N, C-alpha and C. Protein backbone atom coordinates (compact mmCIF):
# COMPACT_ATOMS: atom_id res chain seq x y z
N MET A 1 0.76 -1.26 -0.19
CA MET A 1 -0.17 0.10 -0.06
C MET A 1 0.85 1.28 0.12
N SER A 2 0.41 2.37 -0.85
CA SER A 2 1.45 3.50 -0.55
C SER A 2 1.13 4.23 0.49
N GLU A 3 2.02 4.90 0.63
CA GLU A 3 2.22 5.69 1.95
C GLU A 3 0.80 6.50 1.91
N ALA A 4 0.40 7.31 1.02
CA ALA A 4 -0.70 7.97 0.98
C ALA A 4 -1.82 7.29 1.44
N GLY A 5 -1.99 5.94 1.10
CA GLY A 5 -3.51 4.66 1.34
C GLY A 5 -3.18 4.36 2.71
N ARG A 6 -1.93 4.83 3.18
CA ARG A 6 -2.01 4.44 4.97
C ARG A 6 -2.85 4.93 5.87
N ASP A 7 -3.30 6.13 5.61
CA ASP A 7 -3.87 7.37 6.28
C ASP A 7 -5.32 6.77 5.69
N LYS A 8 -5.99 5.95 5.04
CA LYS A 8 -7.15 6.28 4.63
C LYS A 8 -8.22 5.47 5.50
N THR A 9 -9.11 5.98 6.02
CA THR A 9 -9.76 5.36 6.87
C THR A 9 -11.30 4.72 6.33
N VAL A 10 -11.98 3.75 6.78
CA VAL A 10 -13.02 3.29 6.40
C VAL A 10 -14.15 3.02 7.46
N ARG A 11 -15.34 3.68 7.44
CA ARG A 11 -16.26 3.88 8.50
C ARG A 11 -17.18 2.42 8.36
N GLY A 12 -17.26 2.51 9.55
CA GLY A 12 -18.74 1.35 9.83
C GLY A 12 -19.65 1.60 11.02
N ARG A 13 -20.85 0.87 10.93
CA ARG A 13 -21.68 1.07 12.11
C ARG A 13 -22.89 -0.15 12.18
N CYS A 14 -23.68 -0.02 13.30
CA CYS A 14 -24.52 -1.16 13.25
C CYS A 14 -25.86 -0.65 12.52
N LEU A 15 -26.76 -1.63 12.83
CA LEU A 15 -28.03 -1.15 11.74
C LEU A 15 -28.90 0.00 12.21
N CYS A 16 -28.46 0.12 13.56
CA CYS A 16 -29.49 1.60 13.77
C CYS A 16 -29.01 2.43 13.95
N GLY A 17 -27.54 2.57 13.63
CA GLY A 17 -26.56 3.65 13.38
C GLY A 17 -26.15 4.00 15.26
N ALA A 18 -26.92 3.54 15.90
CA ALA A 18 -26.09 3.97 17.32
C ALA A 18 -24.73 4.08 17.64
N VAL A 19 -24.18 2.65 17.06
CA VAL A 19 -22.72 2.56 17.11
C VAL A 19 -22.03 2.94 15.55
N GLU A 20 -21.22 3.76 15.89
CA GLU A 20 -20.42 4.50 14.63
C GLU A 20 -18.88 4.11 15.07
N PHE A 21 -18.18 4.05 13.89
CA PHE A 21 -16.42 3.63 14.09
C PHE A 21 -15.77 3.79 12.90
N GLU A 22 -14.45 3.89 12.92
CA GLU A 22 -13.91 4.03 12.17
C GLU A 22 -12.49 3.35 11.97
N LEU A 23 -12.00 2.80 10.94
CA LEU A 23 -10.78 1.99 10.81
C LEU A 23 -9.83 2.63 10.02
N THR A 24 -8.69 2.65 10.56
CA THR A 24 -7.31 3.81 9.31
C THR A 24 -6.75 2.49 9.18
N ALA A 25 -6.46 2.27 7.85
CA ALA A 25 -5.83 1.49 6.91
C ALA A 25 -4.30 1.42 7.18
N PRO A 26 -3.32 0.46 7.09
CA PRO A 26 -4.11 -0.63 6.32
C PRO A 26 -4.94 -1.76 7.15
N LEU A 27 -5.80 -2.22 6.43
CA LEU A 27 -6.59 -3.38 7.34
C LEU A 27 -5.86 -4.65 7.40
N GLY A 28 -6.05 -5.54 8.33
CA GLY A 28 -5.48 -6.87 7.94
C GLY A 28 -6.11 -7.69 7.21
N PRO A 29 -5.50 -8.72 6.78
CA PRO A 29 -5.97 -9.60 5.71
C PRO A 29 -7.76 -9.97 5.88
N MET A 30 -8.42 -9.81 5.06
CA MET A 30 -9.76 -10.53 4.91
C MET A 30 -10.11 -11.64 4.44
N THR A 31 -10.73 -12.46 5.62
CA THR A 31 -10.93 -13.93 5.49
C THR A 31 -12.46 -14.02 5.58
N HIS A 32 -13.00 -15.23 5.18
CA HIS A 32 -14.15 -15.74 5.39
C HIS A 32 -13.68 -16.99 6.53
N CYS A 33 -14.38 -16.55 7.38
CA CYS A 33 -14.43 -17.81 8.60
C CYS A 33 -15.30 -18.36 8.46
N HIS A 34 -15.55 -19.80 8.70
CA HIS A 34 -16.52 -20.70 8.81
C HIS A 34 -16.46 -21.46 9.92
N CYS A 35 -16.12 -21.15 10.70
CA CYS A 35 -16.16 -21.63 12.40
C CYS A 35 -17.09 -21.65 12.94
N ARG A 36 -17.78 -22.63 13.83
CA ARG A 36 -19.04 -22.69 14.20
C ARG A 36 -19.13 -21.54 15.08
N SER A 37 -18.43 -20.92 15.94
CA SER A 37 -18.49 -19.65 16.69
C SER A 37 -19.03 -18.33 15.97
N CYS A 38 -18.28 -18.11 14.74
CA CYS A 38 -18.58 -17.18 13.84
C CYS A 38 -20.22 -17.17 13.27
N ARG A 39 -20.23 -18.45 12.73
CA ARG A 39 -21.85 -19.28 12.16
C ARG A 39 -23.08 -18.62 13.29
N LEU A 40 -22.66 -18.94 14.35
CA LEU A 40 -23.82 -19.02 15.51
C LEU A 40 -23.76 -17.45 15.50
N SER A 41 -22.86 -16.98 15.77
CA SER A 41 -22.79 -15.38 16.46
C SER A 41 -23.47 -14.56 15.21
N ARG A 42 -23.63 -15.16 14.14
CA ARG A 42 -24.18 -14.14 13.19
C ARG A 42 -25.31 -14.58 12.56
N GLY A 43 -25.64 -16.13 12.60
CA GLY A 43 -26.54 -16.85 11.73
C GLY A 43 -26.45 -16.85 10.21
N VAL A 44 -25.27 -17.12 9.93
CA VAL A 44 -24.87 -17.11 8.59
C VAL A 44 -24.16 -18.20 8.17
N ALA A 45 -23.74 -18.67 7.23
CA ALA A 45 -22.91 -19.75 6.45
C ALA A 45 -21.34 -19.37 7.03
N PHE A 46 -21.04 -18.29 6.96
CA PHE A 46 -19.65 -17.81 7.26
C PHE A 46 -19.54 -16.12 7.38
N VAL A 47 -18.61 -16.06 7.99
CA VAL A 47 -18.05 -14.43 8.31
C VAL A 47 -17.07 -14.05 7.77
N THR A 48 -17.27 -12.52 6.95
CA THR A 48 -15.86 -12.10 6.47
C THR A 48 -15.29 -11.19 7.45
N TRP A 49 -14.01 -11.12 7.94
CA TRP A 49 -13.48 -10.77 8.80
C TRP A 49 -12.34 -9.65 8.17
N THR A 50 -12.22 -8.58 8.83
CA THR A 50 -10.77 -8.02 8.88
C THR A 50 -10.41 -7.43 9.98
N SER A 51 -9.30 -6.74 10.18
CA SER A 51 -8.71 -6.36 11.73
C SER A 51 -8.21 -5.37 11.59
N VAL A 52 -7.58 -4.40 13.01
CA VAL A 52 -6.82 -3.66 12.91
C VAL A 52 -6.42 -3.70 14.32
N PRO A 53 -5.16 -3.38 14.80
CA PRO A 53 -4.59 -3.06 15.95
C PRO A 53 -5.52 -1.93 16.37
N PRO A 54 -5.41 -1.90 17.99
CA PRO A 54 -6.21 -0.97 18.66
C PRO A 54 -6.09 0.47 18.37
N GLU A 55 -4.97 0.62 18.07
CA GLU A 55 -4.54 2.11 17.94
C GLU A 55 -5.28 2.80 16.35
N ARG A 56 -5.78 1.63 15.58
CA ARG A 56 -6.17 1.92 14.29
C ARG A 56 -7.65 1.77 14.41
N PHE A 57 -8.46 1.65 15.20
CA PHE A 57 -9.74 1.70 15.55
C PHE A 57 -10.41 2.58 16.43
N ALA A 58 -11.44 3.41 16.24
CA ALA A 58 -11.77 4.41 17.02
C ALA A 58 -13.25 4.39 16.69
N TYR A 59 -14.02 4.63 17.76
CA TYR A 59 -15.56 5.28 17.97
C TYR A 59 -15.84 6.24 17.39
N LEU A 60 -16.69 6.38 16.79
CA LEU A 60 -17.26 7.63 16.19
C LEU A 60 -18.29 8.19 17.42
N ALA A 61 -19.33 7.18 17.87
CA ALA A 61 -20.30 7.61 18.35
C ALA A 61 -20.61 6.11 19.08
N GLY A 62 -21.41 6.05 20.44
CA GLY A 62 -22.04 4.94 20.52
C GLY A 62 -20.99 4.00 21.27
N GLU A 63 -19.72 4.28 21.62
CA GLU A 63 -19.14 3.43 22.61
C GLU A 63 -19.88 2.75 23.64
N ALA A 64 -20.62 3.49 24.90
CA ALA A 64 -21.46 3.13 25.65
C ALA A 64 -22.47 2.03 25.32
N ASP A 65 -22.93 2.20 23.77
CA ASP A 65 -23.91 1.31 23.65
C ASP A 65 -23.33 0.10 23.01
N VAL A 66 -22.23 -0.36 23.37
CA VAL A 66 -21.64 -1.63 22.69
C VAL A 66 -21.42 -2.74 23.78
N THR A 67 -22.58 -3.81 23.53
CA THR A 67 -22.54 -4.56 24.55
C THR A 67 -21.61 -5.98 24.22
N TRP A 68 -20.78 -6.32 25.28
CA TRP A 68 -19.60 -7.64 25.30
C TRP A 68 -20.25 -8.87 25.74
N PHE A 69 -20.32 -9.87 24.94
CA PHE A 69 -20.23 -11.43 25.47
C PHE A 69 -19.05 -12.32 25.17
N ARG A 70 -18.75 -12.68 26.42
CA ARG A 70 -17.53 -13.43 26.62
C ARG A 70 -17.79 -14.82 26.04
N SER A 71 -17.36 -15.21 25.07
CA SER A 71 -17.49 -16.78 24.84
C SER A 71 -16.52 -17.86 25.05
N SER A 72 -15.44 -17.28 25.69
CA SER A 72 -14.50 -18.00 26.14
C SER A 72 -13.50 -16.90 26.97
N ALA A 73 -12.41 -17.85 27.72
CA ALA A 73 -11.53 -17.07 28.47
C ALA A 73 -10.90 -15.85 27.76
N THR A 74 -10.45 -16.10 26.65
CA THR A 74 -9.82 -15.20 25.57
C THR A 74 -10.60 -14.45 24.70
N VAL A 75 -11.85 -14.78 24.12
CA VAL A 75 -12.19 -14.10 23.50
C VAL A 75 -13.81 -13.35 23.64
N ARG A 76 -14.10 -12.14 23.49
CA ARG A 76 -15.32 -11.52 23.40
C ARG A 76 -16.00 -10.67 22.44
N TRP A 77 -17.11 -10.84 22.12
CA TRP A 77 -17.77 -10.32 20.67
C TRP A 77 -18.71 -9.17 21.07
N GLY A 78 -18.60 -7.84 20.30
CA GLY A 78 -19.22 -6.81 20.26
C GLY A 78 -20.45 -6.55 19.73
N SER A 79 -21.61 -6.27 20.25
CA SER A 79 -22.85 -5.92 19.47
C SER A 79 -23.48 -4.85 19.78
N CYS A 80 -24.36 -4.03 19.13
CA CYS A 80 -25.12 -2.83 19.82
C CYS A 80 -25.89 -3.35 20.82
N ARG A 81 -25.97 -2.86 21.73
CA ARG A 81 -26.98 -3.47 22.74
C ARG A 81 -28.54 -2.90 22.32
N ILE A 82 -28.47 -1.88 21.23
CA ILE A 82 -30.07 -1.44 20.87
C ILE A 82 -30.51 -2.20 20.08
N CYS A 83 -29.92 -2.83 18.70
CA CYS A 83 -30.42 -3.13 17.76
C CYS A 83 -29.63 -4.41 17.25
N SER A 84 -29.03 -5.10 18.44
CA SER A 84 -28.24 -6.46 18.46
C SER A 84 -27.36 -6.52 17.39
N SER A 85 -26.92 -5.38 16.50
CA SER A 85 -26.33 -5.75 15.36
C SER A 85 -24.49 -6.28 15.87
N PRO A 86 -24.16 -7.67 15.70
CA PRO A 86 -22.84 -7.95 15.65
C PRO A 86 -21.91 -7.59 15.22
N MET A 87 -20.83 -6.73 15.45
CA MET A 87 -19.98 -6.17 14.66
C MET A 87 -18.37 -6.20 14.79
N PHE A 88 -17.94 -6.86 16.29
CA PHE A 88 -16.82 -7.16 16.62
C PHE A 88 -16.44 -8.01 17.31
N TYR A 89 -15.34 -8.56 17.13
CA TYR A 89 -14.51 -9.26 18.05
C TYR A 89 -13.01 -9.34 18.57
N VAL A 90 -12.61 -9.44 19.98
CA VAL A 90 -11.62 -9.25 20.34
C VAL A 90 -10.89 -10.41 21.10
N ALA A 91 -9.65 -10.57 20.83
CA ALA A 91 -8.94 -11.76 21.49
C ALA A 91 -8.13 -10.56 22.70
N ASP A 92 -8.50 -10.96 23.73
CA ASP A 92 -7.96 -10.17 24.88
C ASP A 92 -7.06 -10.70 25.82
N ALA A 93 -6.61 -12.07 25.28
CA ALA A 93 -5.60 -12.88 26.38
C ALA A 93 -5.24 -13.94 25.12
N PRO A 94 -3.96 -14.39 25.45
CA PRO A 94 -3.37 -15.43 24.55
C PRO A 94 -3.98 -17.08 25.23
N GLY A 95 -3.95 -17.57 24.33
CA GLY A 95 -4.62 -19.22 24.55
C GLY A 95 -5.51 -19.62 23.57
N HIS A 96 -6.03 -18.95 22.90
CA HIS A 96 -7.30 -19.07 22.06
C HIS A 96 -6.77 -20.38 20.94
N PRO A 97 -7.02 -21.16 20.79
CA PRO A 97 -6.69 -22.55 19.98
C PRO A 97 -6.59 -22.02 18.60
N GLU A 98 -6.97 -20.78 17.78
CA GLU A 98 -7.08 -20.82 16.47
C GLU A 98 -5.90 -19.32 16.72
N ALA A 99 -5.66 -18.93 17.61
CA ALA A 99 -4.62 -17.92 18.18
C ALA A 99 -4.79 -16.22 17.19
N PRO A 100 -5.75 -16.10 17.30
CA PRO A 100 -6.20 -14.51 16.84
C PRO A 100 -5.15 -13.64 17.60
N GLN A 101 -4.88 -12.49 16.97
CA GLN A 101 -3.87 -11.63 17.51
C GLN A 101 -4.59 -11.05 18.48
N VAL A 102 -3.87 -11.13 19.68
CA VAL A 102 -4.38 -10.70 21.00
C VAL A 102 -4.19 -8.95 20.93
N GLY A 103 -5.76 -8.39 21.46
CA GLY A 103 -5.68 -6.95 21.26
C GLY A 103 -6.32 -6.21 19.79
N HIS A 104 -6.15 -7.05 18.75
CA HIS A 104 -6.60 -6.83 17.85
C HIS A 104 -8.12 -6.52 17.62
N VAL A 105 -8.85 -5.45 16.86
CA VAL A 105 -10.25 -5.38 16.80
C VAL A 105 -10.54 -6.12 15.56
N TYR A 106 -11.06 -7.44 15.59
CA TYR A 106 -11.87 -7.79 14.30
C TYR A 106 -13.28 -7.50 14.00
N VAL A 107 -13.17 -6.86 12.76
CA VAL A 107 -14.44 -6.24 12.30
C VAL A 107 -15.22 -7.08 11.14
N SER A 108 -16.36 -7.50 11.56
CA SER A 108 -16.93 -7.99 10.69
C SER A 108 -17.05 -7.09 9.22
N ALA A 109 -16.58 -7.62 8.13
CA ALA A 109 -16.70 -6.68 6.64
C ALA A 109 -17.89 -6.35 6.42
N GLY A 110 -19.24 -6.97 6.91
CA GLY A 110 -20.71 -6.74 6.62
C GLY A 110 -20.74 -5.39 7.58
N ALA A 111 -20.07 -5.03 8.35
CA ALA A 111 -20.63 -3.87 9.42
C ALA A 111 -19.85 -2.39 8.63
N LEU A 112 -19.17 -2.69 7.60
CA LEU A 112 -18.46 -1.48 7.18
C LEU A 112 -19.37 -0.91 6.15
N THR A 113 -19.43 0.43 5.97
CA THR A 113 -19.97 1.15 5.12
C THR A 113 -19.27 1.67 4.44
N GLY A 114 -17.94 2.40 4.52
CA GLY A 114 -17.24 2.93 3.48
C GLY A 114 -16.51 2.10 2.29
N ASP A 115 -15.85 2.80 1.41
CA ASP A 115 -15.14 1.99 0.34
C ASP A 115 -13.88 1.41 0.83
N PHE A 116 -13.36 0.34 0.52
CA PHE A 116 -12.01 -0.33 0.96
C PHE A 116 -11.73 -1.24 -0.30
N ALA A 117 -10.51 -1.33 -0.53
CA ALA A 117 -9.95 -1.82 -1.43
C ALA A 117 -9.56 -3.36 -1.08
N GLU A 118 -9.47 -3.69 0.09
CA GLU A 118 -9.31 -5.15 0.37
C GLU A 118 -10.10 -5.95 -0.01
N ARG A 119 -10.11 -7.59 -0.36
CA ARG A 119 -10.83 -8.27 -0.98
C ARG A 119 -10.29 -9.78 0.00
N PRO A 120 -11.22 -10.45 0.06
CA PRO A 120 -10.97 -11.63 0.93
C PRO A 120 -9.79 -12.48 0.30
N ALA A 121 -9.09 -13.03 0.93
CA ALA A 121 -8.04 -13.81 0.67
C ALA A 121 -7.97 -15.25 0.92
N ALA A 122 -9.17 -15.37 1.79
CA ALA A 122 -8.90 -17.11 1.98
C ALA A 122 -10.30 -17.23 2.85
N HIS A 123 -10.51 -18.94 2.63
CA HIS A 123 -11.57 -19.41 3.82
C HIS A 123 -10.59 -19.99 5.14
N VAL A 124 -11.13 -19.81 6.13
CA VAL A 124 -10.66 -19.97 7.18
C VAL A 124 -11.39 -21.00 7.92
N SER A 125 -11.12 -22.11 8.91
CA SER A 125 -11.90 -22.76 9.34
C SER A 125 -12.73 -23.62 8.61
N TYR A 126 -12.38 -23.87 7.34
CA TYR A 126 -13.07 -24.61 6.37
C TYR A 126 -13.31 -25.84 6.53
N GLU A 127 -12.64 -26.49 7.65
CA GLU A 127 -13.38 -27.94 8.12
C GLU A 127 -14.53 -27.75 8.72
N GLU A 128 -15.09 -26.56 8.83
CA GLU A 128 -16.46 -26.47 9.98
C GLU A 128 -17.29 -26.07 8.93
N HIS A 129 -17.16 -25.82 7.50
CA HIS A 129 -18.17 -25.38 6.92
C HIS A 129 -19.59 -25.96 6.41
N VAL A 130 -20.58 -25.54 6.21
CA VAL A 130 -21.73 -26.29 6.01
C VAL A 130 -21.68 -26.36 4.81
N ALA A 131 -22.58 -27.81 4.78
CA ALA A 131 -22.57 -28.40 3.53
C ALA A 131 -23.66 -27.61 2.39
N TRP A 132 -24.50 -27.01 3.21
CA TRP A 132 -25.38 -26.50 2.16
C TRP A 132 -25.30 -25.15 1.42
N ALA A 133 -24.00 -24.64 1.77
CA ALA A 133 -23.22 -23.35 1.31
C ALA A 133 -22.31 -23.73 -0.06
N GLU A 134 -22.49 -23.96 -0.81
CA GLU A 134 -21.74 -24.31 -2.31
C GLU A 134 -20.83 -22.82 -2.83
N LEU A 135 -19.76 -23.01 -2.51
CA LEU A 135 -18.65 -22.03 -2.92
C LEU A 135 -18.10 -22.28 -4.36
N HIS A 136 -18.00 -21.27 -5.11
CA HIS A 136 -17.63 -21.76 -6.25
C HIS A 136 -16.49 -20.30 -6.52
N ASP A 137 -15.38 -20.03 -5.61
CA ASP A 137 -14.39 -19.14 -6.04
C ASP A 137 -12.99 -20.31 -5.63
N ASP A 138 -11.98 -19.57 -6.09
CA ASP A 138 -10.51 -20.31 -6.33
C ASP A 138 -9.74 -19.66 -4.81
N LEU A 139 -10.56 -19.56 -4.04
CA LEU A 139 -9.54 -18.98 -2.41
C LEU A 139 -9.09 -20.16 -1.95
N PRO A 140 -7.81 -20.03 -1.44
CA PRO A 140 -7.40 -21.10 -0.52
C PRO A 140 -8.30 -21.55 0.68
N ARG A 141 -8.50 -22.62 1.03
CA ARG A 141 -9.26 -23.27 2.08
C ARG A 141 -8.02 -23.96 3.26
N TYR A 142 -8.10 -23.05 4.36
CA TYR A 142 -7.39 -23.64 5.47
C TYR A 142 -8.17 -24.33 6.57
N LEU A 143 -7.26 -25.10 7.11
CA LEU A 143 -7.38 -25.97 8.35
C LEU A 143 -7.68 -24.71 9.39
N GLY A 144 -8.52 -24.43 10.16
CA GLY A 144 -8.55 -23.64 11.20
C GLY A 144 -7.76 -22.26 11.02
N LYS A 145 -7.26 -21.58 11.70
CA LYS A 145 -6.97 -20.36 10.93
C LYS A 145 -5.29 -20.32 10.83
N THR A 146 -4.93 -21.53 10.54
CA THR A 146 -3.44 -21.93 10.19
C THR A 146 -3.29 -21.97 8.43
N GLN A 147 -1.88 -22.03 8.13
CA GLN A 147 -1.52 -21.95 6.86
C GLN A 147 -1.62 -23.43 6.11
N ASP A 148 -2.25 -24.48 6.95
CA ASP A 148 -2.41 -25.77 6.69
C ASP A 148 -3.54 -25.81 5.55
N LEU A 149 -3.43 -26.26 4.42
CA LEU A 149 -4.36 -26.36 3.35
C LEU A 149 -5.19 -27.73 3.52
N LEU A 150 -6.21 -27.65 3.26
CA LEU A 150 -7.47 -28.30 3.27
C LEU A 150 -7.40 -29.24 2.05
N ALA A 151 -7.28 -30.59 1.50
CA ALA A 151 -7.34 -30.94 0.16
C ALA A 151 -8.37 -30.94 -0.48
C-alpha cells in the first residue's frame, strides 16, 4: 500500500446507527471464517473479517452502546445493545486455539459502510463449513486459522 493509502479510513456502524466507528488502513487480511462460533454469532454460513490493531480503531459514536459477550476466557464479541447488530470480536488474552492476534479488533466486513480496496484472501476454518453453502471461488481453504491447506 502506498504511503498515501496508509491514512485512509473506513467507516462502519450497526444497523440502527447508534454505534459508529472507523478503521485506519492498512486493514488486516480479509478472510471468510467458517468456524461454528462465527456462524452462530451471526446466523450465517460464514463471516468475512478484517482486523486492525487497537490504535487504528476509533469509536465515532455509541461506544457506551456496545455490549460484550465473552464466549471463552480469551475472546469477547461486541454488538449494539439497541439493535443487536454484531460487529466485532477481540482476543484479549493469549491461549485461543486458533491464535487470533491479541488486542486486535476484528471487524465484520458486513458492518463496514465505507469503500475499501481489500478483498477476501482465503477461507479459514473450512473444515467446519456447512454442506449447504456451495462456494465457487478459487480462494485457498485452510484448516482452522493456520496455513495448512485442506485437500
